Protein backbone atom coordinates (compact mmCIF):
# COMPACT_ATOMS: atom_id res chain seq x y z
CA MET A 1 70.63 51.95 122.76
CA LYS A 2 68.93 54.43 120.44
CA LYS A 3 70.75 57.29 122.18
CA MET A 4 74.10 55.53 121.76
CA PHE A 5 73.37 54.93 118.05
CA ALA A 6 72.53 58.59 117.56
CA LEU A 7 75.77 59.65 119.23
CA CYS A 8 77.80 57.31 117.03
CA VAL A 9 76.11 58.63 113.87
CA ALA A 10 76.71 62.22 114.96
CA ALA A 11 80.38 61.44 115.56
CA LEU A 12 80.70 60.11 112.01
CA LEU A 13 79.02 63.09 110.35
CA PRO A 14 81.42 65.74 109.01
CA ALA A 15 81.59 69.03 110.89
CA ALA A 16 79.85 71.98 109.26
CA VAL A 17 82.17 73.44 106.65
CA VAL A 18 82.76 77.17 106.92
CA HIS A 19 84.13 79.34 104.16
CA ALA A 20 85.47 82.82 103.75
CA ASN A 21 83.88 84.89 100.99
CA VAL A 22 84.80 87.94 98.93
CA VAL A 23 83.84 90.34 101.73
CA THR A 24 85.92 88.68 104.44
CA ASP A 25 88.77 88.12 101.97
CA TRP A 26 88.96 91.83 101.19
CA ASP A 27 88.66 92.79 104.83
CA ALA A 28 91.80 90.74 105.48
CA LYS A 29 93.57 92.30 102.48
CA ALA A 30 92.60 95.78 103.69
CA MET A 31 94.03 95.13 107.15
CA ASP A 32 97.28 93.99 105.53
CA VAL A 33 97.71 97.21 103.55
CA ILE A 34 96.40 99.54 106.26
CA GLN A 35 98.25 98.11 109.25
CA GLY A 36 100.06 94.88 108.38
CA ASN A 37 101.68 93.27 111.42
CA ALA A 38 102.37 96.60 113.12
CA PRO A 39 100.80 97.59 116.47
CA ALA A 40 99.15 100.56 114.72
CA PRO A 41 98.72 102.00 111.23
CA PRO A 42 101.57 104.31 110.16
CA PRO A 43 101.44 107.90 111.48
CA ASP A 44 100.20 109.31 108.17
CA ILE A 45 97.09 107.11 108.51
CA GLY A 46 96.65 106.64 112.26
CA PRO A 47 94.13 104.33 113.99
CA ALA A 48 91.08 106.49 113.26
CA GLY A 49 92.24 107.04 109.68
CA GLY A 50 92.58 103.29 109.23
CA GLU A 51 89.12 102.76 110.68
CA ARG A 52 87.72 105.40 108.33
CA ILE A 53 89.24 103.71 105.27
CA ALA A 54 87.91 100.32 106.37
CA THR A 55 84.43 101.76 106.93
CA ILE A 56 84.30 103.43 103.52
CA MET A 57 85.55 100.23 101.86
CA HIS A 58 82.86 98.13 103.53
CA LEU A 59 80.18 100.69 102.69
CA ALA A 60 81.21 100.45 99.02
CA MET A 61 81.15 96.64 99.04
CA PHE A 62 77.77 96.60 100.78
CA ALA A 63 76.30 99.09 98.34
CA ALA A 64 77.53 97.01 95.40
CA VAL A 65 76.40 93.55 96.53
CA ASN A 66 73.12 94.85 98.00
CA THR A 67 72.38 96.36 94.59
CA ILE A 68 72.80 92.92 93.01
CA ASP A 69 71.01 91.01 95.77
CA PRO A 70 68.83 93.59 97.57
CA HIS A 71 68.00 92.47 101.09
CA TYR A 72 68.61 95.65 103.10
CA GLN A 73 67.85 99.34 102.97
CA PRO A 74 70.69 101.20 101.26
CA TYR A 75 72.96 103.50 103.22
CA ASP A 76 72.31 107.23 102.64
CA GLY A 77 73.12 108.27 99.11
CA LEU A 78 74.62 104.93 98.06
CA THR A 79 71.77 103.74 95.90
CA HIS A 80 71.57 102.23 92.44
CA PRO A 81 68.81 100.43 90.49
CA ARG A 82 69.08 96.65 90.88
CA ILE A 83 71.22 94.95 88.21
CA ASP A 84 72.31 91.41 87.41
CA ALA A 85 76.03 91.14 87.99
CA SER A 86 78.70 89.10 89.75
CA GLN A 87 78.77 89.85 93.47
CA GLU A 88 82.39 88.69 93.70
CA ALA A 89 83.49 91.00 90.89
CA ALA A 90 81.48 93.92 92.28
CA ALA A 91 82.80 93.57 95.83
CA THR A 92 86.38 93.13 94.62
CA SER A 93 86.17 96.16 92.39
CA ALA A 94 84.55 98.25 95.12
CA ALA A 95 87.11 97.32 97.79
CA ALA A 96 90.13 97.72 95.53
CA THR A 97 88.97 101.06 94.16
CA VAL A 98 88.51 102.51 97.66
CA LEU A 99 91.89 101.24 98.82
CA ILE A 100 93.72 102.48 95.72
CA ARG A 101 92.14 105.94 95.93
CA MET A 102 92.70 106.30 99.67
CA LEU A 103 96.10 104.60 99.87
CA PRO A 104 97.80 105.67 96.63
CA GLY A 105 101.19 104.59 97.93
CA LYS A 106 99.91 100.99 98.01
CA ALA A 107 98.19 101.17 94.61
CA ALA A 108 100.51 98.70 92.85
CA THR A 109 100.06 96.03 95.53
CA ILE A 110 96.30 96.49 95.68
CA SER A 111 95.98 96.40 91.89
CA GLN A 112 97.85 93.09 91.78
CA GLU A 113 95.55 91.66 94.45
CA ARG A 114 92.49 92.89 92.56
CA ASP A 115 93.62 91.45 89.23
CA ALA A 116 94.48 88.09 90.81
CA TYR A 117 91.09 87.92 92.52
CA LEU A 118 89.18 88.88 89.38
CA ALA A 119 91.13 86.30 87.35
CA ARG A 120 89.48 83.57 89.41
CA ILE A 121 86.05 84.69 88.15
CA PRO A 122 85.08 83.38 84.67
CA ASP A 123 84.84 86.13 82.06
CA SER A 124 81.25 87.13 81.34
CA GLU A 125 79.03 90.15 81.02
CA ALA A 126 78.04 89.65 84.67
CA LYS A 127 81.69 89.97 85.67
CA GLN A 128 82.19 93.16 83.67
CA SER A 129 78.97 94.62 85.01
CA GLY A 130 80.13 93.81 88.54
CA VAL A 131 83.46 95.55 87.99
CA ARG A 132 81.74 98.68 86.71
CA LEU A 133 79.22 98.66 89.55
CA GLY A 134 81.94 98.21 92.17
CA GLU A 135 83.92 101.16 90.83
CA GLU A 136 80.83 103.35 90.77
CA MET A 137 79.82 102.52 94.32
CA ALA A 138 83.38 102.99 95.56
CA LEU A 139 83.56 106.49 94.12
CA LYS A 140 80.16 107.30 95.62
CA ALA A 141 81.24 106.01 99.03
CA ILE A 142 84.44 108.08 98.94
CA GLY A 143 82.53 111.14 97.74
CA SER A 144 79.98 110.77 100.53
CA ARG A 145 82.76 111.43 103.05
CA SER A 146 84.16 114.50 101.33
CA GLY A 147 84.44 117.35 103.80
CA ASP A 148 83.60 115.18 106.80
CA GLY A 149 86.22 116.95 108.94
CA TYR A 150 88.86 114.23 108.94
CA GLY A 151 92.35 115.74 108.78
CA ALA A 152 91.32 119.21 109.97
CA PRO A 153 94.20 121.23 111.48
CA ASN A 154 94.94 120.43 115.11
CA ALA A 155 93.87 123.53 117.05
CA PHE A 156 94.08 122.07 120.55
CA ARG A 157 95.43 124.59 123.09
CA PRO A 158 97.44 122.96 125.91
CA VAL A 159 96.73 124.20 129.42
CA THR A 160 99.59 126.41 130.56
CA GLN A 161 100.51 129.73 132.16
CA PRO A 162 102.36 132.66 130.58
CA GLY A 163 106.06 131.89 130.33
CA VAL A 164 105.72 128.33 131.72
CA TYR A 165 106.97 125.37 129.67
CA THR A 166 104.52 122.66 128.72
CA GLU A 167 104.79 119.65 126.40
CA THR A 168 105.06 120.67 122.76
CA MET A 169 104.14 117.48 120.90
CA LEU A 170 100.82 117.70 119.04
CA THR A 171 98.06 115.62 120.56
CA TYR A 172 96.20 113.00 118.50
CA GLY A 173 92.54 112.90 117.48
CA TRP A 174 91.58 116.57 117.60
CA ASP A 175 90.13 116.36 114.08
CA ILE A 176 88.24 113.17 114.93
CA SER A 177 86.40 114.94 117.76
CA THR A 178 84.39 117.06 115.31
CA MET A 179 84.24 114.65 112.38
CA ARG A 180 80.85 113.92 110.80
CA PRO A 181 79.68 110.49 112.03
CA PHE A 182 78.43 107.65 109.84
CA ALA A 183 75.39 106.68 111.93
CA LEU A 184 75.23 109.01 114.92
CA THR A 185 73.42 112.33 114.63
CA SER A 186 76.41 114.21 116.09
CA PRO A 187 79.75 113.48 117.79
CA SER A 188 78.24 114.45 121.16
CA GLN A 189 75.09 112.28 120.88
CA PHE A 190 76.36 109.83 123.50
CA ARG A 191 78.64 112.22 125.40
CA PRO A 192 78.95 110.99 129.00
CA PRO A 193 78.68 113.03 132.22
CA PRO A 194 81.86 114.66 133.59
CA PRO A 195 84.61 112.61 135.23
CA ILE A 196 84.30 111.90 138.95
CA ALA A 197 85.25 114.62 141.42
CA LEU A 198 88.89 114.68 142.54
CA SER A 199 87.75 115.25 146.12
CA SER A 200 85.72 112.03 146.17
CA GLU A 201 86.45 108.70 147.82
CA GLU A 202 85.91 107.05 144.43
CA TRP A 203 88.73 109.15 142.93
CA ALA A 204 91.10 108.07 145.68
CA LYS A 205 90.14 104.43 145.10
CA ASN A 206 90.74 104.73 141.34
CA TYR A 207 93.99 106.62 141.92
CA ASN A 208 95.48 104.13 144.34
CA GLU A 209 94.44 101.13 142.25
CA MET A 210 96.23 102.67 139.28
CA LYS A 211 99.26 103.61 141.33
CA ASP A 212 99.64 99.98 142.50
CA TYR A 213 98.63 97.98 139.41
CA GLY A 214 99.32 100.23 136.43
CA GLU A 215 102.92 101.05 137.26
CA GLN A 216 105.53 99.74 134.85
CA GLY A 217 107.26 97.41 137.31
CA SER A 218 104.24 96.53 139.46
CA THR A 219 104.57 93.32 141.47
CA LYS A 220 100.84 93.32 142.25
CA ARG A 221 99.73 92.51 138.71
CA THR A 222 99.33 88.82 137.94
CA PRO A 223 101.25 87.39 134.96
CA ARG A 224 97.97 87.21 133.01
CA GLN A 225 97.16 90.85 133.79
CA THR A 226 100.58 91.89 132.51
CA GLU A 227 100.08 89.75 129.40
CA ASP A 228 96.70 91.36 128.73
CA ALA A 229 98.14 94.84 129.22
CA LYS A 230 100.84 94.17 126.63
CA PHE A 231 98.48 92.31 124.28
CA TRP A 232 96.15 95.32 124.05
CA LEU A 233 98.83 97.90 123.38
CA THR A 234 97.89 97.24 119.74
CA VAL A 235 95.09 99.39 118.28
CA SER A 236 92.27 99.27 115.76
CA PRO A 237 91.43 98.56 113.06
CA GLY A 238 93.91 95.68 112.89
CA SER A 239 93.33 94.67 116.51
CA ASN A 240 89.57 94.14 116.12
CA GLN A 241 88.68 93.33 112.52
CA PRO A 242 89.93 89.71 112.65
CA LEU A 243 87.40 88.90 115.37
CA ALA A 244 84.43 90.23 113.39
CA ARG A 245 85.75 88.55 110.25
CA GLN A 246 85.98 85.15 111.94
CA ILE A 247 82.42 85.47 113.22
CA ALA A 248 81.10 86.21 109.71
CA ILE A 249 83.00 83.20 108.35
CA LYS A 250 82.01 80.79 111.12
CA LYS A 251 78.38 81.85 110.84
CA ASN A 252 78.49 80.99 107.11
CA MET A 253 76.98 84.35 106.20
CA SER A 254 76.02 84.99 102.60
CA ILE A 255 77.92 87.64 100.68
CA VAL A 256 75.26 90.31 101.20
CA ASP A 257 74.84 89.40 104.89
CA SER A 258 78.62 89.47 105.38
CA ALA A 259 78.78 92.86 103.68
CA ARG A 260 76.10 94.29 105.94
CA PHE A 261 77.63 92.69 109.05
CA MET A 262 81.14 93.99 108.41
CA THR A 263 79.86 97.44 107.41
CA LEU A 264 77.79 97.87 110.56
CA VAL A 265 80.70 96.71 112.72
CA THR A 266 83.19 99.11 111.15
CA MET A 267 80.67 101.98 111.18
CA ALA A 268 80.00 101.40 114.88
CA GLN A 269 83.71 101.39 115.66
CA MET A 270 84.36 104.54 113.63
CA ASP A 271 81.50 106.42 115.25
CA ALA A 272 82.70 105.21 118.66
CA ALA A 273 86.09 106.77 117.87
CA ILE A 274 84.40 110.05 116.94
CA ALA A 275 82.28 109.99 120.11
CA VAL A 276 85.19 109.21 122.39
CA PHE A 277 87.40 111.98 121.01
CA ASP A 278 84.48 114.40 121.33
CA ALA A 279 84.31 113.52 125.02
CA LYS A 280 88.08 113.47 125.51
CA TYR A 281 88.58 116.99 124.18
CA HIS A 282 85.43 118.29 125.88
CA TYR A 283 86.63 117.22 129.34
CA THR A 284 90.46 117.09 128.85
CA PHE A 285 90.87 114.88 131.93
CA TRP A 286 94.40 114.04 133.04
CA ARG A 287 96.18 110.77 132.43
CA PRO A 288 97.50 108.60 135.28
CA ILE A 289 101.13 109.59 134.65
CA THR A 290 100.20 113.25 135.14
CA ALA A 291 97.86 112.71 138.08
CA ILE A 292 100.09 110.38 140.06
CA ARG A 293 103.15 112.57 139.67
CA ASN A 294 101.00 115.46 140.92
CA GLY A 295 98.97 113.69 143.58
CA ASP A 296 99.69 116.47 146.03
CA ILE A 297 97.70 119.07 144.08
CA ASP A 298 94.38 117.24 143.52
CA GLY A 299 92.97 118.34 146.89
CA ASN A 300 92.44 114.75 148.05
CA PRO A 301 94.40 113.72 151.19
CA ALA A 302 94.17 110.03 150.22
CA THR A 303 96.30 110.42 147.07
CA GLU A 304 100.02 110.43 147.72
CA PRO A 305 102.20 111.50 144.76
CA ASP A 306 104.96 109.43 143.15
CA ALA A 307 107.19 111.76 141.14
CA ALA A 308 108.81 108.92 139.15
CA TRP A 309 105.69 106.86 138.40
CA GLN A 310 105.27 105.64 134.83
CA PRO A 311 103.00 103.15 133.03
CA ILE A 312 103.88 99.96 131.16
CA ALA A 313 104.46 101.85 127.86
CA LEU A 314 104.25 105.38 126.45
CA THR A 315 100.93 107.02 127.27
CA PRO A 316 98.79 107.81 124.19
CA MET A 317 98.93 111.50 123.22
CA HIS A 318 95.35 112.56 123.91
CA PRO A 319 93.19 113.22 126.99
CA GLU A 320 92.19 110.29 129.20
CA TYR A 321 88.40 110.31 129.65
CA PRO A 322 86.81 108.08 128.52
CA CYS A 323 88.77 104.96 127.46
CA ALA A 324 89.00 104.68 123.64
CA HIS A 325 89.89 100.97 123.51
CA CYS A 326 86.90 100.28 125.77
CA ILE A 327 84.39 102.20 123.67
CA ILE A 328 85.63 100.94 120.29
CA THR A 329 85.66 97.26 121.28
CA GLY A 330 82.36 97.85 123.09
CA ALA A 331 80.82 99.31 119.94
CA MET A 332 81.98 96.31 117.94
CA ALA A 333 80.59 93.95 120.58
CA GLY A 334 77.33 95.88 120.82
CA ALA A 335 76.83 95.88 117.06
CA ILE A 336 77.55 92.17 116.72
CA THR A 337 75.25 91.34 119.63
CA ALA A 338 72.45 93.42 118.10
CA ILE A 339 72.86 91.64 114.75
CA LEU A 340 73.14 88.10 116.14
CA GLY A 341 70.70 88.54 119.03
CA THR A 342 73.25 87.14 121.50
CA ASP A 343 76.64 87.97 122.95
CA GLU A 344 77.76 84.34 122.51
CA ILE A 345 79.97 83.80 119.46
CA PRO A 346 81.74 80.85 117.80
CA GLU A 347 85.17 80.46 119.35
CA SER A 348 87.42 83.04 117.69
CA GLU A 349 91.02 83.94 118.31
CA LEU A 350 93.25 86.99 118.14
CA VAL A 351 97.00 87.51 118.13
CA SER A 352 98.82 90.75 118.81
CA PRO A 353 102.06 92.25 117.49
CA THR A 354 102.67 93.68 120.97
CA ALA A 355 102.55 90.22 122.62
CA PRO A 356 104.39 87.86 120.23
CA GLY A 357 103.54 84.18 120.56
CA VAL A 358 100.35 84.80 122.56
CA THR A 359 96.88 83.80 121.32
CA HIS A 360 93.66 84.89 123.04
CA ARG A 361 90.38 83.07 122.41
CA TYR A 362 86.84 84.35 122.89
CA THR A 363 83.35 82.87 122.98
CA ASN A 364 81.54 85.80 124.62
CA LEU A 365 81.54 89.46 123.59
CA HIS A 366 81.10 90.89 127.09
CA ALA A 367 84.11 88.87 128.23
CA PHE A 368 86.06 90.20 125.24
CA ASN A 369 85.18 93.84 126.02
CA ASN A 370 85.91 93.34 129.71
CA GLU A 371 89.36 91.92 128.97
CA VAL A 372 90.27 94.90 126.81
CA SER A 373 89.01 97.37 129.41
CA ALA A 374 90.86 95.75 132.32
CA ALA A 375 94.01 95.64 130.19
CA ARG A 376 93.98 99.42 129.81
CA ILE A 377 93.94 99.81 133.59
CA MET A 378 96.81 97.37 134.01
CA ALA A 379 98.78 99.15 131.28
CA GLY A 380 98.59 102.36 133.32
CA PHE A 381 96.56 104.33 130.79
CA HIS A 382 92.98 104.52 132.11
CA TRP A 383 91.16 104.87 135.42
CA ARG A 384 88.60 102.18 136.22
CA PHE A 385 85.67 104.63 136.14
CA SER A 386 86.77 105.71 132.66
CA THR A 387 86.73 102.12 131.37
CA GLU A 388 83.22 101.56 132.71
CA VAL A 389 81.95 104.72 131.04
CA GLY A 390 83.68 103.75 127.80
CA LYS A 391 82.18 100.27 127.73
CA ASP A 392 78.68 101.64 128.32
CA MET A 393 79.06 104.21 125.53
CA GLY A 394 80.39 101.58 123.15
CA TRP A 395 77.55 99.11 123.60
CA LYS A 396 74.99 101.88 123.15
CA ILE A 397 76.65 103.12 119.95
CA GLY A 398 76.90 99.59 118.54
CA ALA A 399 73.22 98.89 119.18
CA TYR A 400 72.17 102.30 117.83
CA THR A 401 74.11 101.75 114.59
CA VAL A 402 72.37 98.43 113.91
CA GLN A 403 68.95 99.80 114.84
CA THR A 404 69.19 102.81 112.51
CA CYS A 405 71.16 101.61 109.46
CA MET A 406 70.69 99.02 106.73
CA GLN A 407 67.50 97.52 108.09
CA PRO A 408 66.12 94.40 106.33
CA LEU A 409 63.74 95.13 103.50
CA LYS A 410 60.20 93.96 104.22
CA VAL A 411 60.16 92.24 100.86
CA ALA A 412 63.41 91.36 99.07
CA ILE A 413 63.60 92.92 95.60
CA LYS A 414 63.57 90.27 92.88
């Protein structure tokens, strides 16, 4: 009887109320101006460029709100004596200043969003102090990335022979491969071992799996595998940020905790992108469309060529090994798991511009990372061994970022 009474009371109690805050609000606004509803940021920004902007914005917001409510060690160089100010005003000012400076073509839209957000905060000295602090920390965050290597000229030399035609389109991500990381000590810190040998049985197994399942019109894929392949044709940062944002909201994180959480997640993803392009351009391993059309030259008798083979969509213009989607989502998952102490998360959902009308839901971060990785095989872009290596790298980078950056202060500054 007592148990029944307790159940009835519990049923009558309201569910825990969860709220967005200034940090998650501005993360959503940033994704709108960086990527919108497109599968990827525009070419002049690119996925890694969008991730870089998001990371700098979150660093600026963290530096501002952690100055007002110091709970964590500051990020390198982004320090300021503690002041009394409005966290909402400081975070808004920091985020908007970064976005305006780094996306000048969107300045009018961002300024309107900033002014509307600040108008909700009562006028006071704390508000004005917050605005000034946010601007200062934004400029420091932008300045800290000056000369980091992003946007360096693409000097990749395609493999060819004298007088023989080869593809002439510039590859993507060459500059990212040597970019200065945010948390890692170098781009090559987590560089994996070389790809598997083409003469091996494992290569033949990977090759023939791809040939059967990754082909554009494959009848061996299940409907769900095809859905996943199309769903994950979209790229970061817009593909991943909503998941992290929902977790921060559903966990009812404070402003400073949300700022740290979102900063570590974006830093981990950005450094994962740097690490994966370092490995890609170090090994320059061939994509499935190249390998399968040339299966007669790999020296393996178990790999028959298919001269007309093609994947589900256009192959990304950079080397194959390892899988970038796998490492970036793995880094996000690894960072979140390190922060929360578990890979279980409140149910969160994602939609994708490349799979209209489809919603995917997640309660476990390993399951999330595994779905993304399998999708890249089914799309015809990555070998299975490459996805496994990418996942492993990503989780290590995510954990490393949390372990080495923005650690809790032993005693909060009052």
